[in-house]
Each structure stands twice: as structure tokens, then as C-alpha cells.
């Protein structure tokens, strides 16, 4: 089994991330709840830990993800590209 893969998400986001992001259900919730929806979605689908830059109640620009292995990361990128 391969090592975990750390992916830094630059702004603008890569197309695979934007496409996946747009498929996450958009329920009318506050920002903190929305943040948790993002985290839970990535974890349940890909076992990926999403680290969102959240400062003073606002989204920042330094996001990263850790996928459990290279195979899972590749599957995600191919699925959403």
C-alpha cells in the first residue's frame, strides 16, 4: 500500500476539485455547518482529510487535502476531471 498523498489546493482550484465541490449537496446551512459538510463529504467518499483555511469566520485561500494513498487520489482526479 502506498503512502498518504498530501495535495495543496491552489487558488484558482484545480478543475477536478471544482467539479467535485460543485456536486456536494448545497443545503441552506450556516458557514460552520457548510464547512463540516465539505469535510464529511471528502472523508466519506475518499477517506480524504480536508484541511480548510478558516480564519475569523471567513474562508481563506490555503486549503489542502490528505488522501490515504496514491490510488485513491488518482481515482478522485480521474473521476472529477
Protein backbone atom coordinates (compact mmCIF):
# COMPACT_ATOMS: atom_id res chain seq x y z
CA UNK A 1 0.00 0.00 0.00
CA UNK A 2 1.30 3.43 -0.85
CA UNK A 3 1.88 6.33 1.48
CA UNK A 4 -0.68 9.11 2.07
CA UNK A 5 -0.74 11.84 -0.57
CA UNK A 6 -0.82 15.49 0.54
CA UNK A 7 -2.36 17.82 -2.04
CA UNK A 8 -2.24 21.59 -1.71
CA UNK A 9 -5.18 23.26 -3.40
CA UNK A 10 -4.11 26.48 -5.10
CA UNK A 11 -6.46 29.29 -5.99
CA UNK A 12 -7.95 29.06 -8.50
CA UNK A 13 -8.84 25.49 -7.63
CA UNK A 14 -7.90 22.63 -9.96
CA UNK A 15 -10.76 21.56 -12.23
CA UNK A 16 -11.18 18.15 -10.59
CA UNK A 17 -11.66 19.82 -7.19
CA UNK A 18 -14.12 22.42 -8.56
CA UNK A 19 -16.16 19.69 -10.25
CA UNK A 20 -16.31 17.54 -7.12
CA UNK A 21 -17.01 20.59 -4.97
CA UNK A 22 -20.00 21.56 -7.12
CA UNK A 23 -21.54 18.11 -6.65
CA UNK A 24 -21.66 18.40 -2.85
CA UNK A 25 -25.25 18.98 -1.75
CA UNK A 26 -25.81 22.65 -1.03
CA UNK A 27 -28.18 22.73 1.91
CA UNK A 28 -29.21 26.04 3.45
CA UNK A 29 -26.85 25.98 6.44
CA UNK A 30 -24.52 28.49 8.03
CA UNK A 31 -20.81 28.67 7.12
CA UNK A 32 -19.63 26.50 10.01
CA UNK A 33 -22.11 23.77 9.10
CA UNK A 34 -21.17 24.05 5.42
CA UNK A 35 -17.52 23.59 6.37
CA UNK A 36 -18.42 20.36 8.17
CA UNK A 37 -20.45 19.15 5.15
CA UNK A 38 -17.33 19.58 2.96
CA UNK A 39 -15.12 17.76 5.44
CA UNK A 40 -17.58 14.88 5.86
CA UNK A 41 -18.19 14.51 2.11
CA UNK A 42 -14.50 14.09 1.27
CA UNK A 43 -13.90 11.78 4.19
CA UNK A 44 -16.84 9.51 3.39
CA UNK A 45 -16.17 9.33 -0.36
CA UNK A 46 -12.38 9.11 -0.49
CA UNK A 47 -11.11 8.80 3.06
CA UNK A 48 -9.53 12.20 2.39
CA UNK A 49 -8.95 14.66 5.17
CA UNK A 50 -9.77 18.16 4.01
CA UNK A 51 -8.00 20.98 5.84
CA UNK A 52 -9.86 24.21 5.17
CA UNK A 53 -8.24 27.52 5.91
CA UNK A 54 -10.88 29.11 8.12
CA UNK A 55 -9.94 32.39 9.76
CA UNK A 56 -12.16 34.79 11.65
CA UNK A 57 -15.32 33.27 10.21
CA UNK A 58 -14.11 33.51 6.60
CA UNK A 59 -12.71 31.05 4.08
CA UNK A 60 -9.00 31.51 3.45
CA UNK A 61 -7.03 30.50 0.39
CA UNK A 62 -4.71 27.83 1.82
CA UNK A 63 -6.59 24.57 1.58
CA UNK A 64 -5.06 21.11 1.50
CA UNK A 65 -6.17 17.51 1.44
CA UNK A 66 -4.58 14.27 2.51
CA UNK A 67 -5.66 11.19 0.60
CA UNK A 68 -4.98 7.78 2.17
CA UNK A 69 -2.90 6.64 -0.83
CA UNK A 70 -1.92 7.41 -4.43
CA UNK A 71 -4.56 5.08 -5.87
CA UNK A 72 -7.41 6.88 -4.13
CA UNK A 73 -6.07 10.28 -5.15
CA UNK A 74 -5.74 9.17 -8.78
CA UNK A 75 -9.26 7.72 -8.76
CA UNK A 76 -10.64 11.03 -7.45
CA UNK A 77 -8.81 13.12 -10.03
CA UNK A 78 -9.88 10.86 -12.90
CA UNK A 79 -13.49 10.76 -11.71
CA UNK A 80 -13.86 14.53 -11.44
CA UNK A 81 -11.67 15.73 -14.34
